[in-house]
């Protein structure tokens, strides 16, 4: 009877399946955001892709939380699982918020710095998507996981530089002549920076898991 009951509970590897599914939504949203900022293709379609993927990611996050409650055995500490999936969800939530701002102001012409930040967001998402499957064998992959965390931190540093330079450029061009253009641009730059910050949070969660389990 106990054996049958255990079979009905989420498997330990179910967490990794869910992590990877969530990572796929994050990568997809980051790719759509990069294309949106670059002005490629159907911009409204890119916005809707991000909205749809954010909704899908929310459902996956809910499934992870359910699995935590129902599982006897988890691959690592329950609080770490919760913090990891939540940090991943925060990243795609921030992308969704950026899209809401873009749609609110109907602002579809983006500064060069914003386009570069879009590339950085896509790169950060790619790095996290590489890291997630490696967590299944933390000991064997500890070195690469640590390297990825460092690479994401470098991406975040470059994002900060683009944010600061972008604000200065906006102020120089619009600060005294078009305050609304400056305000909208500043808000978009700020939200893009926060997207990258959320990816750094994911990398920090991964680093913490490695430290605790190696």
C-alpha atoms as a PDB file:
ATOM      1  CA  UNK A   1       0.000   0.000   0.000  1.00  0.00           C
ATOM      2  CA  UNK A   2       2.835   2.409   0.878  1.00  0.00           C
ATOM      3  CA  UNK A   3       4.533   1.593  -2.408  1.00  0.00           C
ATOM      4  CA  UNK A   4       1.375   2.412  -4.334  1.00  0.00           C
ATOM      5  CA  UNK A   5       0.982   5.683  -2.405  1.00  0.00           C
ATOM      6  CA  UNK A   6       4.544   6.718  -3.241  1.00  0.00           C
ATOM      7  CA  UNK A   7       3.902   6.070  -6.918  1.00  0.00           C
ATOM      8  CA  UNK A   8       1.087   8.603  -6.799  1.00  0.00           C
ATOM      9  CA  UNK A   9       3.377  11.291  -5.393  1.00  0.00           C
ATOM     10  CA  UNK A  10       5.545  13.549  -7.575  1.00  0.00           C
ATOM     11  CA  UNK A  11       8.831  11.919  -8.543  1.00  0.00           C
ATOM     12  CA  UNK A  12      12.086  13.561  -7.506  1.00  0.00           C
ATOM     13  CA  UNK A  13      12.991  14.107 -11.153  1.00  0.00           C
ATOM     14  CA  UNK A  14       9.637  15.816 -11.714  1.00  0.00           C
ATOM     15  CA  UNK A  15      11.186  18.971 -10.262  1.00  0.00           C
ATOM     16  CA  UNK A  16      13.867  19.019 -12.932  1.00  0.00           C
ATOM     17  CA  UNK A  17      11.271  18.534 -15.654  1.00  0.00           C
ATOM     18  CA  UNK A  18       9.331  21.503 -14.310  1.00  0.00           C
ATOM     19  CA  UNK A  19      12.469  23.643 -13.938  1.00  0.00           C
ATOM     20  CA  UNK A  20      13.347  22.982 -17.576  1.00  0.00           C
ATOM     21  CA  UNK A  21       9.805  23.713 -18.740  1.00  0.00           C
ATOM     22  CA  UNK A  22       9.907  27.021 -16.908  1.00  0.00           C
ATOM     23  CA  UNK A  23      13.337  27.781 -18.306  1.00  0.00           C
ATOM     24  CA  UNK A  24      11.965  27.263 -21.817  1.00  0.00           C
ATOM     25  CA  UNK A  25       9.281  29.888 -21.195  1.00  0.00           C
ATOM     26  CA  UNK A  26      11.909  32.313 -19.910  1.00  0.00           C
ATOM     27  CA  UNK A  27      14.130  31.764 -22.955  1.00  0.00           C
ATOM     28  CA  UNK A  28      11.160  32.183 -25.281  1.00  0.00           C
ATOM     29  CA  UNK A  29      10.084  35.408 -23.601  1.00  0.00           C
ATOM     30  CA  UNK A  30      13.643  36.768 -23.623  1.00  0.00           C
ATOM     31  CA  UNK A  31      13.928  36.003 -27.336  1.00  0.00           C
ATOM     32  CA  UNK A  32      10.654  37.770 -28.035  1.00  0.00           C
ATOM     33  CA  UNK A  33      11.755  40.781 -25.971  1.00  0.00           C
ATOM     34  CA  UNK A  34      15.066  40.938 -27.841  1.00  0.00           C
ATOM     35  CA  UNK A  35      13.222  40.862 -31.190  1.00  0.00           C
ATOM     36  CA  UNK A  36      10.747  43.496 -29.978  1.00  0.00           C
ATOM     37  CA  UNK A  37      13.498  45.886 -28.922  1.00  0.00           C
ATOM     38  CA  UNK A  38      15.368  45.256 -32.177  1.00  0.00           C
ATOM     39  CA  UNK A  39      12.249  46.162 -34.168  1.00  0.00           C
ATOM     40  CA  UNK A  40      12.141  42.782 -35.898  1.00  0.00           C
ATOM     41  CA  UNK A  41       8.958  41.394 -37.420  1.00  0.00           C
ATOM     42  CA  UNK A  42       5.513  41.812 -35.846  1.00  0.00           C
ATOM     43  CA  UNK A  43       6.080  43.817 -32.662  1.00  0.00           C
ATOM     44  CA  UNK A  44       2.594  43.213 -31.290  1.00  0.00           C
ATOM     45  CA  UNK A  45       3.062  39.482 -31.820  1.00  0.00           C
ATOM     46  CA  UNK A  46       6.283  39.609 -29.777  1.00  0.00           C
ATOM     47  CA  UNK A  47       4.404  41.403 -26.987  1.00  0.00           C
ATOM     48  CA  UNK A  48       1.673  38.778 -26.993  1.00  0.00           C
ATOM     49  CA  UNK A  49       4.233  35.966 -26.962  1.00  0.00           C
ATOM     50  CA  UNK A  50       5.692  37.357 -23.742  1.00  0.00           C
ATOM     51  CA  UNK A  51       2.230  37.702 -22.183  1.00  0.00           C
ATOM     52  CA  UNK A  52       1.314  34.123 -23.109  1.00  0.00           C
ATOM     53  CA  UNK A  53       4.599  32.663 -21.890  1.00  0.00           C
ATOM     54  CA  UNK A  54       4.350  34.544 -18.596  1.00  0.00           C
ATOM     55  CA  UNK A  55       0.946  32.942 -18.028  1.00  0.00           C
ATOM     56  CA  UNK A  56       2.375  29.513 -18.845  1.00  0.00           C
ATOM     57  CA  UNK A  57       5.280  30.124 -16.464  1.00  0.00           C
ATOM     58  CA  UNK A  58       2.848  30.971 -13.661  1.00  0.00           C
ATOM     59  CA  UNK A  59       1.140  27.604 -14.094  1.00  0.00           C
ATOM     60  CA  UNK A  60       4.488  25.792 -13.992  1.00  0.00           C
ATOM     61  CA  UNK A  61       5.456  27.681 -10.833  1.00  0.00           C
ATOM     62  CA  UNK A  62       2.173  26.589  -9.262  1.00  0.00           C
ATOM     63  CA  UNK A  63       2.943  22.968 -10.214  1.00  0.00           C
ATOM     64  CA  UNK A  64       6.344  23.212  -8.526  1.00  0.00           C
ATOM     65  CA  UNK A  65       4.778  24.563  -5.336  1.00  0.00           C
ATOM     66  CA  UNK A  66       2.270  21.704  -5.372  1.00  0.00           C
ATOM     67  CA  UNK A  67       5.050  19.189  -5.891  1.00  0.00           C
ATOM     68  CA  UNK A  68       6.970  20.594  -2.918  1.00  0.00           C
ATOM     69  CA  UNK A  69       3.966  20.038  -0.688  1.00  0.00           C
ATOM     70  CA  UNK A  70       3.271  16.510  -1.938  1.00  0.00           C
ATOM     71  CA  UNK A  71       6.782  15.081  -2.193  1.00  0.00           C
ATOM     72  CA  UNK A  72       8.407  12.982   0.534  1.00  0.00           C
ATOM     73  CA  UNK A  73      11.816  13.401  -1.090  1.00  0.00           C
ATOM     74  CA  UNK A  74      13.105  16.465  -2.912  1.00  0.00           C
ATOM     75  CA  UNK A  75      16.377  16.787  -4.873  1.00  0.00           C
ATOM     76  CA  UNK A  76      17.556  19.574  -2.561  1.00  0.00           C
ATOM     77  CA  UNK A  77      16.159  21.714   0.231  1.00  0.00           C
ATOM     78  CA  UNK A  78      12.491  22.644  -0.207  1.00  0.00           C
ATOM     79  CA  UNK A  79      13.126  26.309   0.488  1.00  0.00           C
ATOM     80  CA  UNK A  80      15.836  26.333  -2.194  1.00  0.00           C
ATOM     81  CA  UNK A  81      13.425  24.804  -4.705  1.00  0.00           C
ATOM     82  CA  UNK A  82      10.833  27.440  -3.853  1.00  0.00           C
ATOM     83  CA  UNK A  83      13.345  30.301  -4.069  1.00  0.00           C
ATOM     84  CA  UNK A  84      14.783  29.052  -7.362  1.00  0.00           C
ATOM     85  CA  UNK A  85      11.459  28.735  -9.180  1.00  0.00           C
ATOM     86  CA  UNK A  86      10.259  32.027  -7.722  1.00  0.00           C
ATOM     87  CA  UNK A  87      13.373  33.855  -8.901  1.00  0.00           C
ATOM     88  CA  UNK A  88      12.914  32.386 -12.388  1.00  0.00           C
ATOM     89  CA  UNK A  89       9.282  33.469 -12.339  1.00  0.00           C
ATOM     90  CA  UNK A  90      10.269  36.960 -11.231  1.00  0.00           C
ATOM     91  CA  UNK A  91      12.431  37.274 -14.358  1.00  0.00           C
ATOM     92  CA  UNK A  92       9.591  36.538 -16.760  1.00  0.00           C
ATOM     93  CA  UNK A  93       7.178  38.623 -14.659  1.00  0.00           C
ATOM     94  CA  UNK A  94       9.515  41.583 -15.126  1.00  0.00           C
ATOM     95  CA  UNK A  95       9.589  41.019 -18.882  1.00  0.00           C
ATOM     96  CA  UNK A  96       5.792  41.037 -18.831  1.00  0.00           C
ATOM     97  CA  UNK A  97       5.807  44.289 -16.870  1.00  0.00           C
ATOM     98  CA  UNK A  98       8.122  45.826 -19.463  1.00  0.00           C
ATOM     99  CA  UNK A  99       5.711  44.855 -22.223  1.00  0.00           C
ATOM    100  CA  UNK A 100       2.812  46.394 -20.282  1.00  0.00           C
ATOM    101  CA  UNK A 101       4.739  49.672 -20.101  1.00  0.00           C
ATOM    102  CA  UNK A 102       5.547  49.583 -23.819  1.00  0.00           C
ATOM    103  CA  UNK A 103       1.913  48.951 -24.664  1.00  0.00           C
ATOM    104  CA  UNK A 104       0.649  51.581 -22.224  1.00  0.00           C
ATOM    105  CA  UNK A 105       2.710  54.330 -23.831  1.00  0.00           C
ATOM    106  CA  UNK A 106       2.469  52.810 -27.338  1.00  0.00           C
ATOM    107  CA  UNK A 107       6.218  53.203 -27.546  1.00  0.00           C
ATOM    108  CA  UNK A 108       7.697  50.979 -30.245  1.00  0.00           C
ATOM    109  CA  UNK A 109      10.841  52.879 -31.219  1.00  0.00           C
ATOM    110  CA  UNK A 110      13.751  51.866 -29.025  1.00  0.00           C
ATOM    111  CA  UNK A 111      17.103  53.414 -28.214  1.00  0.00           C
ATOM    112  CA  UNK A 112      20.340  51.647 -29.220  1.00  0.00           C
ATOM    113  CA  UNK A 113      21.083  50.980 -25.545  1.00  0.00           C
ATOM    114  CA  UNK A 114      17.699  49.310 -25.106  1.00  0.00           C
ATOM    115  CA  UNK A 115      18.426  47.064 -28.067  1.00  0.00           C
ATOM    116  CA  UNK A 116      21.766  46.086 -26.524  1.00  0.00           C
ATOM    117  CA  UNK A 117      20.040  45.351 -23.230  1.00  0.00           C
ATOM    118  CA  UNK A 118      17.656  43.091 -25.138  1.00  0.00           C
ATOM    119  CA  UNK A 119      20.657  41.117 -26.371  1.00  0.00           C
ATOM    120  CA  UNK A 120      21.965  40.868 -22.809  1.00  0.00           C
ATOM    121  CA  UNK A 121      18.598  39.632 -21.543  1.00  0.00           C
ATOM    122  CA  UNK A 122      18.581  36.913 -24.194  1.00  0.00           C
ATOM    123  CA  UNK A 123      22.137  35.943 -23.211  1.00  0.00           C
ATOM    124  CA  UNK A 124      21.268  35.801 -19.508  1.00  0.00           C
ATOM    125  CA  UNK A 125      18.263  33.591 -20.286  1.00  0.00           C
ATOM    126  CA  UNK A 126      20.464  31.291 -22.368  1.00  0.00           C
ATOM    127  CA  UNK A 127      22.953  30.952 -19.530  1.00  0.00           C
ATOM    128  CA  UNK A 128      20.237  30.117 -17.009  1.00  0.00           C
ATOM    129  CA  UNK A 129      18.739  27.565 -19.404  1.00  0.00           C
ATOM    130  CA  UNK A 130      22.163  25.917 -19.602  1.00  0.00           C
ATOM    131  CA  UNK A 131      22.469  25.846 -15.817  1.00  0.00           C
ATOM    132  CA  UNK A 132      19.073  24.355 -14.965  1.00  0.00           C
ATOM    133  CA  UNK A 133      19.659  20.817 -16.342  1.00  0.00           C
ATOM    134  CA  UNK A 134      23.085  20.733 -14.674  1.00  0.00           C
ATOM    135  CA  UNK A 135      21.425  20.925 -11.249  1.00  0.00           C
ATOM    136  CA  UNK A 136      20.348  17.306 -11.598  1.00  0.00           C
ATOM    137  CA  UNK A 137      23.978  16.311 -10.971  1.00  0.00           C
ATOM    138  CA  UNK A 138      25.269  19.192  -8.903  1.00  0.00           C
ATOM    139  CA  UNK A 139      28.523  17.582  -7.803  1.00  0.00           C
ATOM    140  CA  UNK A 140      29.661  16.713 -11.301  1.00  0.00           C
ATOM    141  CA  UNK A 141      28.592  20.096 -12.678  1.00  0.00           C
ATOM    142  CA  UNK A 142      29.576  22.379  -9.798  1.00  0.00           C
ATOM    143  CA  UNK A 143      32.433  24.055 -11.693  1.00  0.00           C
ATOM    144  CA  UNK A 144      30.330  24.927 -14.733  1.00  0.00           C
ATOM    145  CA  UNK A 145      27.431  26.072 -12.564  1.00  0.00           C
ATOM    146  CA  UNK A 146      29.757  28.447 -10.742  1.00  0.00           C
ATOM    147  CA  UNK A 147      31.133  29.722 -14.049  1.00  0.00           C
ATOM    148  CA  UNK A 148      27.636  30.414 -15.319  1.00  0.00           C
ATOM    149  CA  UNK A 149      26.844  32.423 -12.197  1.00  0.00           C
ATOM    150  CA  UNK A 150      29.934  34.559 -12.821  1.00  0.00           C
ATOM    151  CA  UNK A 151      28.973  35.052 -16.478  1.00  0.00           C
ATOM    152  CA  UNK A 152      25.473  36.190 -15.522  1.00  0.00           C
ATOM    153  CA  UNK A 153      26.998  38.658 -13.057  1.00  0.00           C
ATOM    154  CA  UNK A 154      29.138  40.086 -15.874  1.00  0.00           C
ATOM    155  CA  UNK A 155      26.037  40.433 -18.044  1.00  0.00           C
ATOM    156  CA  UNK A 156      24.337  42.315 -15.206  1.00  0.00           C
ATOM    157  CA  UNK A 157      27.340  44.637 -14.878  1.00  0.00           C
ATOM    158  CA  UNK A 158      27.243  45.455 -18.578  1.00  0.00           C
ATOM    159  CA  UNK A 159      23.498  46.067 -18.293  1.00  0.00           C
ATOM    160  CA  UNK A 160      24.089  48.599 -15.515  1.00  0.00           C
ATOM    161  CA  UNK A 161      26.539  50.460 -17.748  1.00  0.00           C
ATOM    162  CA  UNK A 162      24.051  50.573 -20.631  1.00  0.00           C
ATOM    163  CA  UNK A 163      21.301  51.741 -18.294  1.00  0.00           C
ATOM    164  CA  UNK A 164      23.371  54.625 -16.938  1.00  0.00           C
ATOM    165  CA  UNK A 165      24.640  55.689 -20.360  1.00  0.00           C
ATOM    166  CA  UNK A 166      21.147  55.403 -21.804  1.00  0.00           C
ATOM    167  CA  UNK A 167      19.671  57.686 -19.155  1.00  0.00           C
ATOM    168  CA  UNK A 168      22.389  60.265 -19.737  1.00  0.00           C
ATOM    169  CA  UNK A 169      21.771  60.192 -23.491  1.00  0.00           C
ATOM    170  CA  UNK A 170      18.011  60.510 -22.982  1.00  0.00           C
ATOM    171  CA  UNK A 171      18.436  63.486 -20.680  1.00  0.00           C
ATOM    172  CA  UNK A 172      20.811  65.200 -23.087  1.00  0.00           C
ATOM    173  CA  UNK A 173      18.339  64.816 -25.957  1.00  0.00           C
ATOM    174  CA  UNK A 174      14.970  65.186 -24.245  1.00  0.00           C
ATOM    175  CA  UNK A 175      15.460  66.436 -20.690  1.00  0.00           C
ATOM    176  CA  UNK A 176      14.664  70.080 -21.462  1.00  0.00           C
ATOM    177  CA  UNK A 177      12.709  69.767 -24.697  1.00  0.00           C
ATOM    178  CA  UNK A 178      10.471  66.686 -24.318  1.00  0.00           C
ATOM    179  CA  UNK A 179      10.038  65.598 -20.686  1.00  0.00           C
ATOM    180  CA  UNK A 180       7.472  62.927 -21.624  1.00  0.00           C
ATOM    181  CA  UNK A 181       9.898  61.222 -24.021  1.00  0.00           C
ATOM    182  CA  UNK A 182      12.534  61.287 -21.294  1.00  0.00           C
ATOM    183  CA  UNK A 183      10.127  59.840 -18.708  1.00  0.00           C
ATOM    184  CA  UNK A 184       8.992  56.985 -20.959  1.00  0.00           C
ATOM    185  CA  UNK A 185      12.529  56.137 -22.003  1.00  0.00           C
ATOM    186  CA  UNK A 186      13.722  56.229 -18.396  1.00  0.00           C
ATOM    187  CA  UNK A 187      10.948  53.848 -17.328  1.00  0.00           C
ATOM    188  CA  UNK A 188      11.733  51.347 -20.075  1.00  0.00           C
ATOM    189  CA  UNK A 189      15.455  51.463 -19.305  1.00  0.00           C
ATOM    190  CA  UNK A 190      14.692  50.922 -15.611  1.00  0.00           C
ATOM    191  CA  UNK A 191      12.504  47.905 -16.277  1.00  0.00           C
ATOM    192  CA  UNK A 192      15.020  46.338 -18.642  1.00  0.00           C
ATOM    193  CA  UNK A 193      17.689  46.730 -15.981  1.00  0.00           C
ATOM    194  CA  UNK A 194      15.387  45.016 -13.486  1.00  0.00           C
ATOM    195  CA  UNK A 195      14.914  42.081 -15.874  1.00  0.00           C
ATOM    196  CA  UNK A 196      18.661  41.503 -15.883  1.00  0.00           C
ATOM    197  CA  UNK A 197      18.767  41.968 -12.101  1.00  0.00           C
ATOM    198  CA  UNK A 198      16.205  39.162 -11.748  1.00  0.00           C
ATOM    199  CA  UNK A 199      18.440  36.881 -13.817  1.00  0.00           C
ATOM    200  CA  UNK A 200      21.285  37.673 -11.452  1.00  0.00           C
ATOM    201  CA  UNK A 201      18.954  36.638  -8.616  1.00  0.00           C
ATOM    202  CA  UNK A 202      18.452  33.277 -10.348  1.00  0.00           C
ATOM    203  CA  UNK A 203      22.215  32.877 -10.685  1.00  0.00           C
ATOM    204  CA  UNK A 204      22.645  33.671  -6.994  1.00  0.00           C
ATOM    205  CA  UNK A 205      20.057  31.038  -6.067  1.00  0.00           C
ATOM    206  CA  UNK A 206      21.900  28.494  -8.181  1.00  0.00           C
ATOM    207  CA  UNK A 207      25.216  29.412  -6.524  1.00  0.00           C
ATOM    208  CA  UNK A 208      23.624  28.941  -3.113  1.00  0.00           C
ATOM    209  CA  UNK A 209      22.310  25.507  -4.060  1.00  0.00           C
ATOM    210  CA  UNK A 210      25.758  24.491  -5.284  1.00  0.00           C
ATOM    211  CA  UNK A 211      27.416  25.652  -2.061  1.00  0.00           C
ATOM    212  CA  UNK A 212      24.910  23.786   0.094  1.00  0.00           C
ATOM    213  CA  UNK A 213      25.048  20.532  -1.853  1.00  0.00           C
ATOM    214  CA  UNK A 214      28.702  20.056  -2.829  1.00  0.00           C
END
